[in-house]
């Protein structure tokens, strides 16, 4: 967010807030958190400041490979230190 704080950038989207739904993962059941667009941008800003994410160095092919079920369906939260895996799924006998 070049030359703006997250909050300053977010202000420009205020008129459109009713159009944005809060994040909800795909797990079943009640959602116990409320992750907004502002929360997400703050997280991205933090990750960039910690050098955990760099747009110019992001490897799309690696991301797409890791997100495949046969490759673990994971995302690195902190590169090479902390990964998040997909939630549990039901396995049904065929």
C-alpha atoms as a PDB file:
ATOM      1  CA  UNK A   1       0.000   0.000   0.000  1.00  0.00           C
ATOM      2  CA  UNK A   2       2.321   2.565  -1.358  1.00  0.00           C
ATOM      3  CA  UNK A   3       2.696   5.641   0.798  1.00  0.00           C
ATOM      4  CA  UNK A   4      -0.503   4.950   2.726  1.00  0.00           C
ATOM      5  CA  UNK A   5      -1.237   3.198   5.945  1.00  0.00           C
ATOM      6  CA  UNK A   6      -3.609   0.263   5.825  1.00  0.00           C
ATOM      7  CA  UNK A   7      -6.261   2.399   7.493  1.00  0.00           C
ATOM      8  CA  UNK A   8      -5.829   5.201   4.924  1.00  0.00           C
ATOM      9  CA  UNK A   9      -6.198   2.765   2.040  1.00  0.00           C
ATOM     10  CA  UNK A  10      -9.188   1.139   3.733  1.00  0.00           C
ATOM     11  CA  UNK A  11     -10.992   4.490   4.050  1.00  0.00           C
ATOM     12  CA  UNK A  12     -11.347   4.620   0.261  1.00  0.00           C
ATOM     13  CA  UNK A  13     -13.403   1.419   0.395  1.00  0.00           C
ATOM     14  CA  UNK A  14     -15.800   2.590   3.117  1.00  0.00           C
ATOM     15  CA  UNK A  15     -18.688   3.265   0.681  1.00  0.00           C
ATOM     16  CA  UNK A  16     -18.378  -0.303  -0.632  1.00  0.00           C
ATOM     17  CA  UNK A  17     -18.192  -2.148   2.698  1.00  0.00           C
ATOM     18  CA  UNK A  18     -21.721  -3.602   2.413  1.00  0.00           C
ATOM     19  CA  UNK A  19     -20.546  -5.435  -0.718  1.00  0.00           C
ATOM     20  CA  UNK A  20     -17.705  -7.270   1.054  1.00  0.00           C
ATOM     21  CA  UNK A  21     -18.491 -10.367   3.085  1.00  0.00           C
ATOM     22  CA  UNK A  22     -16.317 -11.344   6.008  1.00  0.00           C
ATOM     23  CA  UNK A  23     -13.991 -14.274   5.477  1.00  0.00           C
ATOM     24  CA  UNK A  24     -15.265 -17.690   6.409  1.00  0.00           C
ATOM     25  CA  UNK A  25     -13.278 -20.873   5.916  1.00  0.00           C
ATOM     26  CA  UNK A  26     -14.873 -23.889   4.290  1.00  0.00           C
ATOM     27  CA  UNK A  27     -15.126 -25.953   7.480  1.00  0.00           C
ATOM     28  CA  UNK A  28     -18.540 -27.062   8.662  1.00  0.00           C
ATOM     29  CA  UNK A  29     -20.180 -25.669  11.745  1.00  0.00           C
ATOM     30  CA  UNK A  30     -20.383 -22.305  13.456  1.00  0.00           C
ATOM     31  CA  UNK A  31     -17.719 -19.706  12.643  1.00  0.00           C
ATOM     32  CA  UNK A  32     -16.200 -18.338  15.863  1.00  0.00           C
ATOM     33  CA  UNK A  33     -14.343 -15.396  14.366  1.00  0.00           C
ATOM     34  CA  UNK A  34     -15.060 -12.404  12.178  1.00  0.00           C
ATOM     35  CA  UNK A  35     -12.223 -11.796   9.695  1.00  0.00           C
ATOM     36  CA  UNK A  36     -12.812  -8.586   7.764  1.00  0.00           C
ATOM     37  CA  UNK A  37     -11.116  -7.064   4.754  1.00  0.00           C
ATOM     38  CA  UNK A  38      -9.337  -4.641   7.104  1.00  0.00           C
ATOM     39  CA  UNK A  39      -8.051  -7.567   9.200  1.00  0.00           C
ATOM     40  CA  UNK A  40      -6.717  -9.214   6.048  1.00  0.00           C
ATOM     41  CA  UNK A  41      -4.957  -6.060   4.874  1.00  0.00           C
ATOM     42  CA  UNK A  42      -3.406  -5.552   8.295  1.00  0.00           C
ATOM     43  CA  UNK A  43      -2.139  -9.134   8.171  1.00  0.00           C
ATOM     44  CA  UNK A  44      -0.689  -8.642   4.702  1.00  0.00           C
ATOM     45  CA  UNK A  45       0.992  -5.406   5.805  1.00  0.00           C
ATOM     46  CA  UNK A  46       2.482  -7.187   8.827  1.00  0.00           C
ATOM     47  CA  UNK A  47       3.712 -10.085   6.670  1.00  0.00           C
ATOM     48  CA  UNK A  48       5.362  -7.679   4.229  1.00  0.00           C
ATOM     49  CA  UNK A  49       7.049  -5.779   7.074  1.00  0.00           C
ATOM     50  CA  UNK A  50       8.394  -9.076   8.463  1.00  0.00           C
ATOM     51  CA  UNK A  51       9.640 -10.095   4.995  1.00  0.00           C
ATOM     52  CA  UNK A  52       7.333 -13.118   5.066  1.00  0.00           C
ATOM     53  CA  UNK A  53       5.714 -12.035   1.804  1.00  0.00           C
ATOM     54  CA  UNK A  54       7.151 -10.245  -1.190  1.00  0.00           C
ATOM     55  CA  UNK A  55       4.905  -9.798  -4.215  1.00  0.00           C
ATOM     56  CA  UNK A  56       7.844  -9.758  -6.641  1.00  0.00           C
ATOM     57  CA  UNK A  57       9.250 -13.025  -5.268  1.00  0.00           C
ATOM     58  CA  UNK A  58       5.981 -14.935  -4.840  1.00  0.00           C
ATOM     59  CA  UNK A  59       6.189 -18.257  -6.690  1.00  0.00           C
ATOM     60  CA  UNK A  60       2.749 -19.017  -8.109  1.00  0.00           C
ATOM     61  CA  UNK A  61       3.750 -22.502  -9.317  1.00  0.00           C
ATOM     62  CA  UNK A  62       4.936 -23.469  -5.811  1.00  0.00           C
ATOM     63  CA  UNK A  63       1.708 -22.133  -4.310  1.00  0.00           C
ATOM     64  CA  UNK A  64      -0.415 -24.058  -6.800  1.00  0.00           C
ATOM     65  CA  UNK A  65       1.582 -27.220  -6.171  1.00  0.00           C
ATOM     66  CA  UNK A  66       1.273 -26.976  -2.381  1.00  0.00           C
ATOM     67  CA  UNK A  67      -2.484 -26.366  -2.533  1.00  0.00           C
ATOM     68  CA  UNK A  68      -3.093 -29.698  -4.273  1.00  0.00           C
ATOM     69  CA  UNK A  69      -4.451 -32.409  -1.981  1.00  0.00           C
ATOM     70  CA  UNK A  70      -1.807 -34.924  -3.064  1.00  0.00           C
ATOM     71  CA  UNK A  71       0.915 -32.417  -2.070  1.00  0.00           C
ATOM     72  CA  UNK A  72      -0.508 -31.718   1.382  1.00  0.00           C
ATOM     73  CA  UNK A  73      -2.959 -28.891   0.630  1.00  0.00           C
ATOM     74  CA  UNK A  74      -0.905 -26.498   2.726  1.00  0.00           C
ATOM     75  CA  UNK A  75      -0.013 -22.841   2.862  1.00  0.00           C
ATOM     76  CA  UNK A  76       3.100 -21.421   4.432  1.00  0.00           C
ATOM     77  CA  UNK A  77       2.125 -18.818   7.025  1.00  0.00           C
ATOM     78  CA  UNK A  78       5.709 -18.043   8.048  1.00  0.00           C
ATOM     79  CA  UNK A  79       8.015 -19.252   5.266  1.00  0.00           C
ATOM     80  CA  UNK A  80       9.744 -22.545   6.135  1.00  0.00           C
ATOM     81  CA  UNK A  81       8.608 -22.269   9.788  1.00  0.00           C
ATOM     82  CA  UNK A  82       4.821 -22.505  10.088  1.00  0.00           C
ATOM     83  CA  UNK A  83       2.394 -24.107   7.654  1.00  0.00           C
ATOM     84  CA  UNK A  84      -1.403 -24.324   7.699  1.00  0.00           C
ATOM     85  CA  UNK A  85      -3.109 -27.424   6.375  1.00  0.00           C
ATOM     86  CA  UNK A  86      -6.658 -27.880   5.130  1.00  0.00           C
ATOM     87  CA  UNK A  87      -9.318 -28.777   7.671  1.00  0.00           C
ATOM     88  CA  UNK A  88     -10.424 -32.348   8.266  1.00  0.00           C
ATOM     89  CA  UNK A  89     -12.786 -33.957   5.810  1.00  0.00           C
ATOM     90  CA  UNK A  90     -15.158 -36.856   6.105  1.00  0.00           C
ATOM     91  CA  UNK A  91     -13.985 -40.082   4.536  1.00  0.00           C
ATOM     92  CA  UNK A  92     -16.780 -42.286   3.317  1.00  0.00           C
ATOM     93  CA  UNK A  93     -16.498 -45.940   2.468  1.00  0.00           C
ATOM     94  CA  UNK A  94     -17.340 -46.645  -1.135  1.00  0.00           C
END
